[in-house]
Amino acid sequence: MEISAPQRSPLDIGEPFAELFSEVIAGTAYLDAAKSLAEASKSHPVMIQASPSFFNLTTRAHLEAAQLCAARLFDIHEDCAGIPWLLKQAKYRAEEFNHRTSIDLEHAIAEAEESCAAKAKVLAAIKHRRDRWLAHLDRRTIRDRDQFAKDAQLTYPELEQLFACAAEILNTMADLRGQAGFLIFGDDYDDLHHTLSLVEKGVQANAQELERRTNLPDSGPAPGLGAT
């Protein structure tokens, strides 16, 4: 007698919303932190030069984290509850998106799919980076780094726009369900720029104090130690 596997109930659509918004917020914050650190090499050179390895590694870590957030948001794997999954649920479980009219829902899904299609090149670059570098070190990447660099071309503005696209889709879909969304702006989550300014001022103050002490008037030879 064959025993069938128990059927799992569909995932509550409301549960992934918080996770997806968290990915947008975290990805935006990681990216803005990386930008602040990159800009600091010009605006706060004294501080960056004081610990170059730390700041270089920190910038890289924030960039990699931002890309992984983007990859999770738009992952098309059947087990992933990302934005593609959400749009599919909106089509087949329309009764759960009944805060607006069915026409509003259809338009929202169509616009979201168009937005994702317009980001196809950026999403392809993110997938290359995730599959062949961020998640594991692919032998193809090692064998042909130039081809990988070509396939994975990505800029700060493109990644920023991708997170903005995700936020717009999520807010629209949340509204269709009658759920609260989030207004997500980079400056809301980037307190690093202010921190870097404070650290730079501290480093400059220490340097000025050291210079002041070394430029004190000569008060004569220091007393020697007598023989015992």
Protein backbone atom coordinates (compact mmCIF):
# COMPACT_ATOMS: atom_id res chain seq x y z
CA MET A 1 0.00 0.00 0.00
CA GLU A 2 1.48 3.31 -1.07
CA ILE A 3 1.48 6.09 1.50
CA SER A 4 1.27 9.57 0.10
CA ALA A 5 3.23 12.42 1.63
CA PRO A 6 1.20 14.80 3.77
CA GLN A 7 0.04 17.89 1.95
CA ARG A 8 1.44 21.14 3.25
CA SER A 9 -0.91 24.05 3.65
CA PRO A 10 -0.04 27.10 1.52
CA LEU A 11 2.24 29.64 3.14
CA ASP A 12 0.34 32.55 4.68
CA ILE A 13 1.00 35.42 2.29
CA GLY A 14 1.15 37.88 5.16
CA GLU A 15 4.18 36.19 6.73
CA PRO A 16 6.76 36.90 3.99
CA PHE A 17 5.92 40.62 3.81
CA ALA A 18 7.86 41.50 6.95
CA GLU A 19 10.83 39.44 5.75
CA LEU A 20 10.79 41.00 2.30
CA PHE A 21 10.57 44.53 3.67
CA SER A 22 13.43 43.68 6.04
CA GLU A 23 15.54 42.61 3.07
CA VAL A 24 14.87 45.92 1.32
CA ILE A 25 15.67 47.93 4.44
CA ALA A 26 18.82 45.93 5.19
CA GLY A 27 19.99 45.98 1.57
CA THR A 28 19.46 49.73 1.34
CA ALA A 29 21.35 50.28 4.59
CA TYR A 30 24.24 48.02 3.55
CA LEU A 31 24.57 49.77 0.21
CA ASP A 32 24.45 53.26 1.70
CA ALA A 33 27.02 52.30 4.32
CA ALA A 34 29.33 51.06 1.57
CA LYS A 35 28.80 54.30 -0.37
CA SER A 36 29.60 56.37 2.73
CA LEU A 37 32.81 54.43 3.25
CA ALA A 38 33.80 54.81 -0.41
CA GLU A 39 33.12 58.55 -0.28
CA ALA A 40 35.06 58.78 3.00
CA SER A 41 38.27 57.93 1.17
CA LYS A 42 37.98 61.41 -0.38
CA SER A 43 36.15 63.36 2.33
CA HIS A 44 37.87 61.77 5.36
CA PRO A 45 41.27 60.61 4.07
CA VAL A 46 43.02 60.92 7.44
CA MET A 47 40.64 58.50 9.08
CA ILE A 48 40.64 55.98 6.21
CA GLN A 49 44.42 55.99 5.98
CA ALA A 50 44.65 55.34 9.71
CA SER A 51 43.16 51.86 9.22
CA PRO A 52 42.98 51.03 5.50
CA SER A 53 42.58 47.26 5.84
CA PHE A 54 39.65 47.59 8.24
CA PHE A 55 37.78 50.08 6.08
CA ASN A 56 38.45 48.20 2.83
CA LEU A 57 37.16 44.95 4.30
CA THR A 58 34.17 46.69 5.87
CA THR A 59 33.24 48.29 2.54
CA ARG A 60 33.49 44.93 0.79
CA ALA A 61 31.38 43.23 3.46
CA HIS A 62 28.60 45.80 3.12
CA LEU A 63 28.61 45.52 -0.68
CA GLU A 64 28.42 41.73 -0.58
CA ALA A 65 25.61 41.83 1.99
CA ALA A 66 23.63 44.30 -0.15
CA GLN A 67 23.94 42.05 -3.20
CA LEU A 68 22.77 39.01 -1.25
CA CYS A 69 19.72 40.95 -0.05
CA ALA A 70 18.90 41.80 -3.66
CA ALA A 71 19.37 38.17 -4.70
CA ARG A 72 16.98 36.95 -1.99
CA LEU A 73 14.35 39.52 -2.95
CA PHE A 74 14.17 38.48 -6.60
CA ASP A 75 15.09 34.79 -6.36
CA ILE A 76 12.96 32.74 -8.77
CA HIS A 77 13.63 29.33 -7.17
CA GLU A 78 10.38 27.50 -6.49
CA ASP A 79 11.16 27.19 -2.77
CA CYS A 80 11.81 30.91 -2.33
CA ALA A 81 9.18 33.33 -1.06
CA GLY A 82 10.56 36.34 -2.89
CA ILE A 83 8.87 38.95 -5.04
CA PRO A 84 8.33 36.59 -8.03
CA TRP A 85 6.56 34.16 -5.66
CA LEU A 86 4.47 37.00 -4.23
CA LEU A 87 3.28 38.09 -7.66
CA LYS A 88 2.36 34.52 -8.54
CA GLN A 89 0.33 34.23 -5.33
CA ALA A 90 -1.45 37.48 -6.17
CA LYS A 91 -2.61 35.91 -9.44
CA TYR A 92 -3.86 32.62 -8.04
CA ARG A 93 -5.00 33.79 -4.60
CA ALA A 94 -6.62 37.04 -5.64
CA GLU A 95 -9.22 36.77 -2.87
CA GLU A 96 -6.43 37.57 -0.39
CA PHE A 97 -5.68 40.86 -2.18
CA ASN A 98 -9.19 42.25 -1.90
CA HIS A 99 -8.55 45.63 -0.29
CA ARG A 100 -8.78 47.18 -3.78
CA THR A 101 -10.69 46.17 -6.90
CA SER A 102 -9.76 43.23 -9.11
CA ILE A 103 -8.83 45.72 -11.85
CA ASP A 104 -6.42 47.44 -9.44
CA LEU A 105 -4.86 44.07 -8.65
CA GLU A 106 -4.45 43.15 -12.31
CA HIS A 107 -2.84 46.49 -13.09
CA ALA A 108 -0.53 46.21 -10.08
CA ILE A 109 0.65 42.72 -11.06
CA ALA A 110 1.21 43.79 -14.68
CA GLU A 111 3.21 46.87 -13.62
CA ALA A 112 5.28 44.85 -11.17
CA GLU A 113 6.10 42.24 -13.81
CA GLU A 114 7.06 44.99 -16.25
CA SER A 115 9.33 46.54 -13.62
CA CYS A 116 11.02 43.19 -13.02
CA ALA A 117 11.42 42.61 -16.76
CA ALA A 118 13.01 46.05 -17.12
CA LYS A 119 15.56 45.03 -14.49
CA ALA A 120 16.43 41.78 -16.27
CA LYS A 121 20.03 42.80 -16.98
CA VAL A 122 20.65 43.87 -13.39
CA LEU A 123 18.97 40.73 -12.02
CA ALA A 124 21.12 38.58 -14.31
CA ALA A 125 24.25 40.27 -12.96
CA ILE A 126 23.07 39.71 -9.38
CA LYS A 127 22.41 36.04 -10.13
CA HIS A 128 25.87 35.62 -11.66
CA ARG A 129 27.46 37.19 -8.61
CA ARG A 130 25.43 35.10 -6.18
CA ASP A 131 25.86 31.78 -8.01
CA ARG A 132 29.49 32.13 -9.04
CA TRP A 133 31.10 34.23 -6.31
CA LEU A 134 29.01 35.27 -3.28
CA ALA A 135 27.45 31.89 -2.43
CA HIS A 136 30.44 29.80 -3.47
CA LEU A 137 33.66 30.16 -5.45
CA ASP A 138 32.82 28.77 -8.88
CA ARG A 139 35.65 27.24 -10.90
CA ARG A 140 34.43 29.12 -13.98
CA THR A 141 35.00 32.39 -12.14
CA ILE A 142 38.58 31.43 -11.32
CA ARG A 143 39.23 30.13 -14.82
CA ASP A 144 37.94 33.21 -16.64
CA ARG A 145 37.77 36.26 -14.40
CA ASP A 146 37.39 38.63 -17.35
CA GLN A 147 34.27 36.85 -18.55
CA PHE A 148 32.85 36.84 -15.04
CA ALA A 149 33.49 40.58 -14.71
CA LYS A 150 31.68 41.10 -18.02
CA ASP A 151 28.70 38.94 -17.05
CA ALA A 152 28.43 40.47 -13.57
CA GLN A 153 28.73 44.19 -14.35
CA LEU A 154 26.82 46.16 -11.71
CA THR A 155 26.86 49.76 -10.48
CA TYR A 156 25.78 51.52 -7.29
CA PRO A 157 22.87 53.33 -9.03
CA GLU A 158 21.61 50.08 -10.56
CA LEU A 159 21.53 48.38 -7.17
CA GLU A 160 19.89 51.42 -5.59
CA GLN A 161 17.20 51.42 -8.27
CA LEU A 162 16.64 47.69 -7.77
CA PHE A 163 15.92 48.19 -4.07
CA ALA A 164 13.62 51.12 -4.92
CA CYS A 165 11.80 48.87 -7.39
CA ALA A 166 11.38 46.19 -4.73
CA ALA A 167 10.06 48.71 -2.21
CA GLU A 168 7.51 50.05 -4.68
CA ILE A 169 6.24 46.56 -5.55
CA LEU A 170 6.00 45.51 -1.92
CA ASN A 171 4.20 48.67 -0.85
CA THR A 172 1.71 48.29 -3.70
CA MET A 173 1.00 44.65 -2.90
CA ALA A 174 0.71 45.40 0.81
CA ASP A 175 -1.84 48.11 0.06
CA LEU A 176 -3.84 45.65 -2.04
CA ARG A 177 -4.05 43.42 1.04
CA GLY A 178 -4.83 46.29 3.39
CA GLN A 179 -1.48 45.95 5.15
CA ALA A 180 0.81 48.75 6.20
CA GLY A 181 3.87 49.30 4.04
CA PHE A 182 7.14 51.17 4.61
CA LEU A 183 8.60 54.37 3.23
CA ILE A 184 12.20 53.41 2.60
CA PHE A 185 14.84 56.07 1.99
CA GLY A 186 18.57 55.51 2.14
CA ASP A 187 19.18 58.44 4.47
CA ASP A 188 16.83 56.93 7.05
CA TYR A 189 19.16 54.00 7.60
CA ASP A 190 22.56 55.56 6.94
CA ASP A 191 23.91 56.92 10.21
CA LEU A 192 27.44 55.94 9.19
CA HIS A 193 28.09 59.22 7.38
CA HIS A 194 27.57 61.17 10.63
CA THR A 195 29.72 58.67 12.53
CA LEU A 196 32.56 59.01 10.03
CA SER A 197 32.44 62.80 10.40
CA LEU A 198 32.73 62.51 14.18
CA VAL A 199 35.63 60.05 13.95
CA GLU A 200 37.41 62.28 11.43
CA LYS A 201 37.07 65.26 13.78
CA GLY A 202 38.49 63.17 16.62
CA VAL A 203 41.47 62.07 14.53
CA GLN A 204 42.14 65.65 13.43
CA ALA A 205 41.86 66.92 17.01
CA ASN A 206 44.39 64.32 18.19
CA ALA A 207 46.76 65.26 15.37
CA GLN A 208 46.46 68.96 16.22
CA GLU A 209 47.08 68.26 19.90
CA LEU A 210 50.15 66.18 19.07
CA GLU A 211 51.45 68.96 16.83
CA ARG A 212 50.83 71.52 19.58
CA ARG A 213 52.80 69.48 22.08
CA THR A 214 55.72 68.89 19.75
CA ASN A 215 55.91 72.63 18.98
CA LEU A 216 56.13 73.77 22.62
CA PRO A 217 59.04 76.17 23.40
CA ASP A 218 62.27 74.42 24.31
CA SER A 219 62.70 74.60 28.09
CA GLY A 220 66.25 73.33 28.05
CA PRO A 221 67.79 69.89 28.44
CA ALA A 222 65.88 67.42 30.49
CA PRO A 223 67.50 66.60 33.86
CA GLY A 224 69.60 63.49 33.82
CA LEU A 225 69.53 60.68 36.30
CA GLY A 226 72.23 60.80 38.93
CA ALA A 227 74.43 57.85 39.71
CA THR A 228 73.54 55.92 42.81
